[in-house]
């Protein structure tokens, strides 16, 4: 991605440490307290007249991603060797789909959630996690991978946000990250 999000309040860019700290704390409250999830950060900041713009960022290099089909499995390999890692704090590998289609979450520990119950950016401790359509006929599964954090999330806001996913937070010191997307089809 070659864009950086910047918040603006009317004609003032909120670049200072205090403003960033406020939005970081707001995001933290949103992620840690389920009762606030009926509000979206976009709704809340919109009511405060804070707008987000995306500015072109300086390139940090390139990431080569290779997808290899192996029956019902997709092997994803991301090569970070041409990426400038100095000062890099996190790398995310997003596996996201439309929230209206994949509406059910299940995992190897027996957790089951539907729609908003899936949460937003929650860590997964189970060996594997799966997103599927409600009747269970189709879905996909990801496995926890060493030196990464597997997360689940879902957000829907009409005309603005529509995603559900199983995402990895990858150790930024890695040169290569590889994982498998297992496509589940009961037919």
Protein backbone atom coordinates (compact mmCIF):
# COMPACT_ATOMS: atom_id res chain seq x y z
CA UNK A 1 0.00 0.00 0.00
CA UNK A 2 1.37 3.38 -0.87
CA UNK A 3 -0.89 5.56 1.26
CA UNK A 4 -0.78 6.81 4.85
CA UNK A 5 -3.96 7.76 6.73
CA UNK A 6 -4.02 11.27 8.16
CA UNK A 7 -6.82 12.70 10.27
CA UNK A 8 -8.08 16.25 9.77
CA UNK A 9 -10.33 18.36 11.95
CA UNK A 10 -11.87 20.90 9.59
CA UNK A 11 -8.80 22.42 7.86
CA UNK A 12 -6.22 21.34 10.44
CA UNK A 13 -4.16 18.17 9.99
CA UNK A 14 -3.98 16.24 13.25
CA UNK A 15 -0.31 15.28 13.08
CA UNK A 16 0.78 16.11 16.60
CA UNK A 17 1.57 13.56 19.30
CA UNK A 18 -1.45 14.48 21.45
CA UNK A 19 -3.94 13.94 18.61
CA UNK A 20 -2.33 10.64 17.58
CA UNK A 21 -2.37 9.53 21.23
CA UNK A 22 -6.08 10.35 21.52
CA UNK A 23 -6.98 8.28 18.45
CA UNK A 24 -4.71 5.43 19.58
CA UNK A 25 -6.49 5.33 22.96
CA UNK A 26 -9.88 5.55 21.24
CA UNK A 27 -8.96 2.58 19.01
CA UNK A 28 -7.70 0.65 22.04
CA UNK A 29 -11.00 1.19 23.92
CA UNK A 30 -12.90 0.10 20.80
CA UNK A 31 -10.88 -3.11 20.48
CA UNK A 32 -10.87 -4.08 24.17
CA UNK A 33 -14.47 -3.30 25.16
CA UNK A 34 -17.17 -5.16 23.19
CA UNK A 35 -19.98 -2.84 24.34
CA UNK A 36 -18.44 -0.03 22.25
CA UNK A 37 -18.45 -2.13 19.08
CA UNK A 38 -21.97 -1.05 18.19
CA UNK A 39 -20.31 2.31 17.50
CA UNK A 40 -17.70 2.38 14.80
CA UNK A 41 -14.66 4.61 15.01
CA UNK A 42 -15.81 6.13 11.74
CA UNK A 43 -19.20 7.05 13.28
CA UNK A 44 -17.58 8.50 16.37
CA UNK A 45 -14.92 10.55 14.60
CA UNK A 46 -17.48 11.62 11.99
CA UNK A 47 -19.68 13.08 14.73
CA UNK A 48 -16.63 15.03 15.92
CA UNK A 49 -16.13 16.24 12.30
CA UNK A 50 -12.79 14.43 11.97
CA UNK A 51 -12.11 13.25 8.42
CA UNK A 52 -9.49 10.78 7.21
CA UNK A 53 -7.45 11.42 4.07
CA UNK A 54 -4.87 9.15 2.51
CA UNK A 55 -1.61 10.74 1.41
CA UNK A 56 0.97 9.19 -0.91
CA UNK A 57 3.77 7.68 1.18
CA UNK A 58 7.44 7.15 0.42
CA UNK A 59 8.06 3.59 -0.78
CA UNK A 60 9.75 1.23 1.67
CA UNK A 61 10.52 -1.28 -1.07
CA UNK A 62 8.57 -4.17 -2.46
CA UNK A 63 7.02 -7.37 -1.21
CA UNK A 64 6.76 -10.28 -3.62
CA UNK A 65 3.72 -12.44 -2.88
CA UNK A 66 3.35 -15.83 -4.56
CA UNK A 67 0.13 -17.87 -4.54
CA UNK A 68 0.42 -21.59 -5.34
CA UNK A 69 -2.67 -23.74 -5.81
CA UNK A 70 -2.42 -27.21 -4.30
CA UNK A 71 -5.84 -28.88 -4.55
CA UNK A 72 -8.14 -27.19 -2.01
CA UNK A 73 -5.18 -25.29 -0.54
CA UNK A 74 -3.64 -21.98 -1.51
CA UNK A 75 -0.05 -21.62 -0.31
CA UNK A 76 0.77 -17.93 0.21
CA UNK A 77 4.43 -16.92 0.35
CA UNK A 78 5.43 -13.31 1.08
CA UNK A 79 9.07 -12.35 0.52
CA UNK A 80 10.09 -9.27 2.54
CA UNK A 81 13.80 -9.22 1.58
CA UNK A 82 13.39 -6.13 -0.65
CA UNK A 83 11.58 -4.20 2.09
CA UNK A 84 13.32 -1.53 4.17
CA UNK A 85 12.79 -2.86 7.71
CA UNK A 86 14.53 -0.14 9.72
CA UNK A 87 11.88 1.38 11.99
CA UNK A 88 9.25 -1.08 10.75
CA UNK A 89 6.96 -2.05 13.62
CA UNK A 90 4.41 -4.43 12.10
CA UNK A 91 3.54 -6.27 8.92
CA UNK A 92 -0.01 -7.49 8.28
CA UNK A 93 -1.15 -10.16 5.84
CA UNK A 94 -4.87 -9.62 5.30
CA UNK A 95 -7.22 -12.38 4.18
CA UNK A 96 -10.47 -10.47 3.97
CA UNK A 97 -13.79 -11.01 2.27
CA UNK A 98 -17.23 -9.40 2.24
CA UNK A 99 -18.96 -9.46 5.63
CA UNK A 100 -22.38 -10.17 4.09
CA UNK A 101 -21.13 -13.47 2.64
CA UNK A 102 -18.79 -15.04 5.24
CA UNK A 103 -20.88 -14.56 8.39
CA UNK A 104 -19.83 -17.41 10.69
CA UNK A 105 -16.57 -18.00 12.61
CA UNK A 106 -15.50 -21.32 14.15
CA UNK A 107 -12.15 -22.52 15.51
CA UNK A 108 -10.39 -25.62 16.83
CA UNK A 109 -11.22 -24.68 20.44
CA UNK A 110 -14.97 -24.81 19.72
CA UNK A 111 -15.62 -21.05 19.58
CA UNK A 112 -18.49 -20.07 17.29
CA UNK A 113 -19.56 -16.53 16.43
CA UNK A 114 -21.96 -15.02 13.89
CA UNK A 115 -21.84 -11.51 12.38
CA UNK A 116 -20.98 -8.85 15.00
CA UNK A 117 -20.06 -11.59 17.49
CA UNK A 118 -16.92 -12.19 15.41
CA UNK A 119 -15.47 -9.01 16.90
CA UNK A 120 -12.91 -6.63 15.47
CA UNK A 121 -9.23 -7.46 15.38
CA UNK A 122 -9.36 -10.07 18.17
CA UNK A 123 -6.40 -12.41 18.71
CA UNK A 124 -6.93 -16.14 18.14
CA UNK A 125 -5.30 -18.72 20.43
CA UNK A 126 -6.79 -21.78 18.67
CA UNK A 127 -4.69 -23.98 16.34
CA UNK A 128 -6.90 -23.04 13.39
CA UNK A 129 -9.76 -20.67 12.60
CA UNK A 130 -12.40 -20.73 9.90
CA UNK A 131 -14.81 -18.30 8.28
CA UNK A 132 -17.75 -19.76 6.41
CA UNK A 133 -21.15 -18.97 5.00
CA UNK A 134 -24.06 -19.55 7.39
CA UNK A 135 -25.22 -22.88 6.00
CA UNK A 136 -21.64 -24.15 6.33
CA UNK A 137 -21.32 -25.31 2.71
CA UNK A 138 -18.28 -23.17 1.92
CA UNK A 139 -15.54 -21.43 3.83
CA UNK A 140 -11.83 -21.11 4.43
CA UNK A 141 -9.48 -22.04 7.26
CA UNK A 142 -6.12 -20.64 8.37
CA UNK A 143 -3.71 -22.16 10.87
CA UNK A 144 -1.66 -20.33 13.47
CA UNK A 145 1.90 -19.81 12.25
CA UNK A 146 4.98 -19.44 14.43
CA UNK A 147 6.29 -15.86 14.92
CA UNK A 148 2.94 -14.34 14.01
CA UNK A 149 -0.40 -13.46 15.61
CA UNK A 150 -3.58 -14.72 13.95
CA UNK A 151 -6.53 -12.33 14.32
CA UNK A 152 -10.19 -12.37 13.37
CA UNK A 153 -12.39 -9.41 12.65
CA UNK A 154 -15.51 -8.08 11.02
CA UNK A 155 -16.87 -4.60 10.45
CA UNK A 156 -19.86 -3.45 8.48
CA UNK A 157 -20.98 0.15 8.06
CA UNK A 158 -23.31 0.77 5.11
CA UNK A 159 -21.49 2.57 2.31
CA UNK A 160 -18.16 2.59 4.11
CA UNK A 161 -16.89 -0.63 5.73
CA UNK A 162 -17.63 -4.18 4.66
CA UNK A 163 -15.03 -6.78 5.62
CA UNK A 164 -14.52 -9.97 7.55
CA UNK A 165 -11.18 -11.67 7.78
CA UNK A 166 -8.53 -13.86 9.30
CA UNK A 167 -5.34 -11.82 9.32
CA UNK A 168 -1.76 -12.36 10.39
CA UNK A 169 0.39 -9.86 12.26
CA UNK A 170 3.87 -10.90 11.15
CA UNK A 171 7.18 -10.38 12.92
CA UNK A 172 8.76 -7.48 10.92
CA UNK A 173 12.21 -9.10 11.19
CA UNK A 174 11.15 -12.04 9.01
CA UNK A 175 12.52 -12.39 5.47
CA UNK A 176 9.81 -14.78 4.28
CA UNK A 177 6.36 -15.58 5.68
CA UNK A 178 4.38 -18.54 4.38
CA UNK A 179 0.93 -19.82 5.27
CA UNK A 180 -1.89 -21.93 3.84
CA UNK A 181 -5.48 -20.96 3.09
CA UNK A 182 -7.53 -24.15 3.16
CA UNK A 183 -10.68 -23.85 1.05
CA UNK A 184 -13.55 -25.79 2.60
CA UNK A 185 -16.30 -27.11 0.34
CA UNK A 186 -18.60 -29.86 1.60
CA UNK A 187 -19.96 -30.65 -1.87
